[in-house]
C-alpha atoms as a PDB file:
ATOM      1  CA  MET A   1     153.895  98.058-144.829  1.00  0.00           C
ATOM      2  CA  TRP A   2     155.132  96.288-147.979  1.00  0.00           C
ATOM      3  CA  ASP A   3     157.548  94.097-146.010  1.00  0.00           C
ATOM      4  CA  ALA A   4     154.835  93.158-143.513  1.00  0.00           C
ATOM      5  CA  LEU A   5     152.436  92.221-146.322  1.00  0.00           C
ATOM      6  CA  THR A   6     154.939  90.152-148.327  1.00  0.00           C
ATOM      7  CA  SER A   7     156.306  88.383-145.251  1.00  0.00           C
ATOM      8  CA  THR A   8     152.780  87.457-144.189  1.00  0.00           C
ATOM      9  CA  VAL A   9     151.276  86.290-147.498  1.00  0.00           C
ATOM     10  CA  GLY A  10     154.280  86.104-149.845  1.00  0.00           C
ATOM     11  CA  ILE A  11     154.837  87.885-153.123  1.00  0.00           C
ATOM     12  CA  TYR A  12     151.949  86.093-154.854  1.00  0.00           C
ATOM     13  CA  GLY A  13     149.468  86.776-152.063  1.00  0.00           C
ATOM     14  CA  ALA A  14     150.599  90.403-151.869  1.00  0.00           C
ATOM     15  CA  THR A  15     150.154  90.694-155.630  1.00  0.00           C
ATOM     16  CA  LEU A  16     146.609  89.348-155.379  1.00  0.00           C
ATOM     17  CA  VAL A  17     145.765  91.820-152.588  1.00  0.00           C
ATOM     18  CA  VAL A  18     147.234  94.806-154.439  1.00  0.00           C
ATOM     19  CA  ALA A  19     145.467  93.779-157.650  1.00  0.00           C
ATOM     20  CA  ALA A  20     142.097  93.453-155.919  1.00  0.00           C
ATOM     21  CA  LEU A  21     142.520  96.827-154.229  1.00  0.00           C
ATOM     22  CA  SER A  22     143.565  98.437-157.503  1.00  0.00           C
ATOM     23  CA  GLY A  23     140.368  97.118-159.077  1.00  0.00           C
ATOM     24  CA  ILE A  24     138.255  99.273-156.775  1.00  0.00           C
ATOM     25  CA  ILE A  25     140.637 102.110-155.888  1.00  0.00           C
ATOM     26  CA  PRO A  26     141.773 103.742-159.143  1.00  0.00           C
ATOM     27  CA  ILE A  27     144.792 105.526-157.637  1.00  0.00           C
ATOM     28  CA  ILE A  28     146.405 102.140-156.923  1.00  0.00           C
ATOM     29  CA  ASN A  29     147.927 101.289-160.290  1.00  0.00           C
ATOM     30  CA  ALA A  30     148.100  97.542-160.979  1.00  0.00           C
ATOM     31  CA  GLU A  31     150.253  98.005-164.068  1.00  0.00           C
ATOM     32  CA  VAL A  32     152.997  99.922-162.251  1.00  0.00           C
ATOM     33  CA  TYR A  33     152.974  97.404-159.401  1.00  0.00           C
ATOM     34  CA  LEU A  34     153.086  94.477-161.845  1.00  0.00           C
ATOM     35  CA  VAL A  35     156.033  95.904-163.776  1.00  0.00           C
ATOM     36  CA  ALA A  36     157.977  96.448-160.556  1.00  0.00           C
ATOM     37  CA  VAL A  37     157.347  92.925-159.281  1.00  0.00           C
ATOM     38  CA  ALA A  38     157.946  91.322-162.697  1.00  0.00           C
ATOM     39  CA  LEU A  39     161.306  93.107-162.932  1.00  0.00           C
ATOM     40  CA  LEU A  40     162.258  91.602-159.581  1.00  0.00           C
ATOM     41  CA  THR A  41     161.582  88.073-160.878  1.00  0.00           C
ATOM     42  CA  ARG A  42     163.593  88.455-164.103  1.00  0.00           C
ATOM     43  CA  SER A  43     161.715  85.426-165.400  1.00  0.00           C
ATOM     44  CA  VAL A  44     159.189  85.260-168.236  1.00  0.00           C
ATOM     45  CA  PRO A  45     157.307  82.253-166.764  1.00  0.00           C
ATOM     46  CA  LEU A  46     157.041  83.978-163.369  1.00  0.00           C
ATOM     47  CA  ALA A  47     155.964  87.193-165.100  1.00  0.00           C
ATOM     48  CA  ILE A  48     153.128  85.247-166.723  1.00  0.00           C
ATOM     49  CA  VAL A  49     152.123  83.794-163.343  1.00  0.00           C
ATOM     50  CA  LEU A  50     152.143  87.294-161.850  1.00  0.00           C
ATOM     51  CA  GLY A  51     150.067  88.584-164.772  1.00  0.00           C
ATOM     52  CA  LEU A  52     147.461  85.883-164.155  1.00  0.00           C
ATOM     53  CA  ILE A  53     147.405  86.649-160.433  1.00  0.00           C
ATOM     54  CA  VAL A  54     146.858  90.351-161.137  1.00  0.00           C
ATOM     55  CA  ALA A  55     144.062  89.441-163.567  1.00  0.00           C
ATOM     56  CA  ALA A  56     142.428  87.272-160.892  1.00  0.00           C
ATOM     57  CA  GLY A  57     142.707  90.017-158.270  1.00  0.00           C
ATOM     58  CA  GLN A  58     141.264  92.567-160.642  1.00  0.00           C
ATOM     59  CA  MET A  59     138.356  90.278-161.483  1.00  0.00           C
ATOM     60  CA  ILE A  60     137.596  89.758-157.792  1.00  0.00           C
ATOM     61  CA  ALA A  61     137.136  93.529-157.568  1.00  0.00           C
ATOM     62  CA  LYS A  62     135.220  93.827-160.842  1.00  0.00           C
ATOM     63  CA  ILE A  63     132.848  91.024-159.856  1.00  0.00           C
ATOM     64  CA  GLY A  64     132.166  92.925-156.634  1.00  0.00           C
ATOM     65  CA  ILE A  65     131.441  96.054-158.655  1.00  0.00           C
ATOM     66  CA  TYR A  66     129.201  94.096-161.038  1.00  0.00           C
ATOM     67  CA  LYS A  67     127.220  92.550-158.172  1.00  0.00           C
ATOM     68  CA  ALA A  68     126.927  95.834-156.250  1.00  0.00           C
ATOM     69  CA  PHE A  69     125.540  97.658-159.282  1.00  0.00           C
ATOM     70  CA  ALA A  70     123.221  94.752-160.128  1.00  0.00           C
ATOM     71  CA  LEU A  71     121.824  94.937-156.601  1.00  0.00           C
ATOM     72  CA  GLY A  72     121.524  98.714-156.866  1.00  0.00           C
ATOM     73  CA  ALA A  73     119.665  98.365-160.161  1.00  0.00           C
ATOM     74  CA  ASP A  74     117.268  95.875-158.576  1.00  0.00           C
ATOM     75  CA  LYS A  75     116.521  98.318-155.768  1.00  0.00           C
ATOM     76  CA  ALA A  76     116.203 101.239-158.196  1.00  0.00           C
ATOM     77  CA  ALA A  77     113.793  99.218-160.345  1.00  0.00           C
ATOM     78  CA  THR A  78     111.314  99.253-157.472  1.00  0.00           C
ATOM     79  CA  LYS A  79     111.084 103.027-157.755  1.00  0.00           C
ATOM     80  CA  PRO A  80     108.888 104.250-160.618  1.00  0.00           C
ATOM     81  CA  LYS A  81     111.267 107.119-161.355  1.00  0.00           C
ATOM     82  CA  TYR A  82     114.083 104.710-162.332  1.00  0.00           C
ATOM     83  CA  ALA A  83     112.214 101.564-163.386  1.00  0.00           C
ATOM     84  CA  ALA A  84     111.289 102.821-166.850  1.00  0.00           C
ATOM     85  CA  LYS A  85     114.814 104.056-167.551  1.00  0.00           C
ATOM     86  CA  LEU A  86     116.381 100.767-166.486  1.00  0.00           C
ATOM     87  CA  GLU A  87     113.910  98.754-168.528  1.00  0.00           C
ATOM     88  CA  LYS A  88     114.608 100.892-171.585  1.00  0.00           C
ATOM     89  CA  ALA A  89     118.380 100.453-171.183  1.00  0.00           C
ATOM     90  CA  GLN A  90     118.018  96.679-170.694  1.00  0.00           C
ATOM     91  CA  LYS A  91     115.903  96.385-173.860  1.00  0.00           C
ATOM     92  CA  LEU A  92     118.568  98.309-175.748  1.00  0.00           C
ATOM     93  CA  MET A  93     121.181  95.818-174.500  1.00  0.00           C
ATOM     94  CA  GLU A  94     119.049  92.920-175.749  1.00  0.00           C
ATOM     95  CA  LYS A  95     118.763  94.618-179.133  1.00  0.00           C
ATOM     96  CA  TRP A  96     122.541  94.979-179.374  1.00  0.00           C
ATOM     97  CA  LYS A  97     122.946  91.213-178.823  1.00  0.00           C
ATOM     98  CA  ASP A  98     126.647  90.403-178.249  1.00  0.00           C
ATOM     99  CA  LYS A  99     128.048  93.928-178.612  1.00  0.00           C
ATOM    100  CA  PRO A 100     128.126  94.526-174.833  1.00  0.00           C
ATOM    101  CA  LEU A 101     130.199  91.347-174.460  1.00  0.00           C
ATOM    102  CA  VAL A 102     132.632  92.503-177.140  1.00  0.00           C
ATOM    103  CA  LEU A 103     132.892  95.821-175.319  1.00  0.00           C
ATOM    104  CA  THR A 104     133.557  93.937-172.071  1.00  0.00           C
ATOM    105  CA  PHE A 105     136.466  92.046-173.648  1.00  0.00           C
ATOM    106  CA  ILE A 106     137.934  95.150-175.292  1.00  0.00           C
ATOM    107  CA  SER A 107     137.640  97.162-172.100  1.00  0.00           C
ATOM    108  CA  ALA A 108     139.211  94.368-170.027  1.00  0.00           C
ATOM    109  CA  SER A 109     142.151  93.948-172.393  1.00  0.00           C
ATOM    110  CA  VAL A 110     142.794  97.510-173.577  1.00  0.00           C
ATOM    111  CA  GLY A 111     141.406  99.538-170.700  1.00  0.00           C
ATOM    112  CA  LEU A 112     139.238 101.811-172.845  1.00  0.00           C
ATOM    113  CA  PRO A 113     136.552 102.462-171.904  1.00  0.00           C
ATOM    114  CA  PRO A 114     137.643 102.021-168.298  1.00  0.00           C
ATOM    115  CA  PHE A 115     136.834  98.511-167.108  1.00  0.00           C
ATOM    116  CA  PHE A 116     135.573  99.896-163.782  1.00  0.00           C
ATOM    117  CA  ILE A 117     132.773 101.716-165.621  1.00  0.00           C
ATOM    118  CA  VAL A 118     132.049  98.781-167.933  1.00  0.00           C
ATOM    119  CA  SER A 119     131.811  96.462-164.903  1.00  0.00           C
ATOM    120  CA  ALA A 120     129.318  98.785-163.219  1.00  0.00           C
ATOM    121  CA  LEU A 121     127.198  99.126-166.356  1.00  0.00           C
ATOM    122  CA  ALA A 122     127.315  95.367-166.976  1.00  0.00           C
ATOM    123  CA  GLY A 123     125.885  94.800-163.523  1.00  0.00           C
ATOM    124  CA  MET A 124     123.232  97.483-163.865  1.00  0.00           C
ATOM    125  CA  LEU A 125     122.108  96.220-167.248  1.00  0.00           C
ATOM    126  CA  LYS A 126     122.234  92.523-166.317  1.00  0.00           C
ATOM    127  CA  ILE A 127     124.822  91.479-168.873  1.00  0.00           C
ATOM    128  CA  ASN A 128     125.312  87.692-168.668  1.00  0.00           C
ATOM    129  CA  PHE A 129     127.388  87.181-165.505  1.00  0.00           C
ATOM    130  CA  LYS A 130     129.304  84.089-166.651  1.00  0.00           C
ATOM    131  CA  ALA A 131     130.215  85.735-169.940  1.00  0.00           C
ATOM    132  CA  PHE A 132     131.263  88.883-168.067  1.00  0.00           C
ATOM    133  CA  MET A 133     133.539  86.829-165.793  1.00  0.00           C
ATOM    134  CA  LEU A 134     135.033  84.785-168.612  1.00  0.00           C
ATOM    135  CA  LEU A 135     135.623  87.644-171.039  1.00  0.00           C
ATOM    136  CA  GLY A 136     136.780  89.935-168.264  1.00  0.00           C
ATOM    137  CA  PHE A 137     139.324  87.413-166.968  1.00  0.00           C
ATOM    138  CA  LEU A 138     140.517  86.576-170.480  1.00  0.00           C
ATOM    139  CA  GLY A 139     140.954  90.255-171.372  1.00  0.00           C
ATOM    140  CA  ARG A 140     142.625  91.113-168.052  1.00  0.00           C
ATOM    141  CA  SER A 141     144.927  88.073-168.375  1.00  0.00           C
ATOM    142  CA  ILE A 142     146.060  89.104-171.845  1.00  0.00           C
ATOM    143  CA  ARG A 143     146.602  92.678-170.713  1.00  0.00           C
ATOM    144  CA  PHE A 144     148.605  91.906-167.592  1.00  0.00           C
ATOM    145  CA  CYS A 145     150.605  89.003-169.001  1.00  0.00           C
ATOM    146  CA  VAL A 146     151.701  91.126-171.968  1.00  0.00           C
ATOM    147  CA  ILE A 147     152.706  93.989-169.660  1.00  0.00           C
ATOM    148  CA  ALA A 148     154.668  91.694-167.332  1.00  0.00           C
ATOM    149  CA  VAL A 149     156.427  89.785-170.120  1.00  0.00           C
ATOM    150  CA  LEU A 150     157.353  92.972-171.986  1.00  0.00           C
ATOM    151  CA  ALA A 151     158.848  94.411-168.800  1.00  0.00           C
ATOM    152  CA  VAL A 152     161.025  91.318-168.264  1.00  0.00           C
ATOM    153  CA  LEU A 153     162.050  91.178-171.926  1.00  0.00           C
ATOM    154  CA  ALA A 154     162.922  94.887-171.953  1.00  0.00           C
ATOM    155  CA  GLN A 155     165.047  94.372-168.868  1.00  0.00           C
ATOM    156  CA  SER A 156     166.810  91.418-170.525  1.00  0.00           C
ATOM    157  CA  ALA A 157     167.549  93.493-173.617  1.00  0.00           C
ATOM    158  CA  THR A 158     169.449  96.138-171.666  1.00  0.00           C
END
C-alpha cells in the first residue's frame, strides 16, 4: 500500500494524506510517520518541509472537525434542551476573552489537551475561525518541524 501511495502522489503527497488521516483517526500517529520519513531524507531543510506538510495535513483534518462540530452546535441550538447550555458555554468563552485562543495554540504545539478535542470544542463554541486556523497551523508547524529536525539531527550525531 505504501509503495502504491508514494509512487502515485510522491513522498510529499503521501505525507499530506497520512497527516490528514492522522488528524481524524487517532491510531494513525503523525509523529512516528514524520520521524520515519525525516530520517529517510537525512536533510534538515527537507525535514522542515515535511514538518510543514504534516502541519498542513493535520489542519485540513482539524478544520473539518471544527466545521462539523460548529454545524452540530447550530443544529443542537434549535433544540430547547441544548440551546441554553450552548448559549451559556458561548457566553463563558466571551468572558474568557483570548484564553481559548491561547489554549488552541498550546494544544496545537504541545498536544495537551489533545488538539482533536480542542478543535471540536472550538467549533462548538464558535471560537474565531481565522484565529483558530492561524494559531492551529502555527502551533502544529512548530511541533512537527521541531520533531522532524530533532530526528535528523539525532541521526547525524550517531
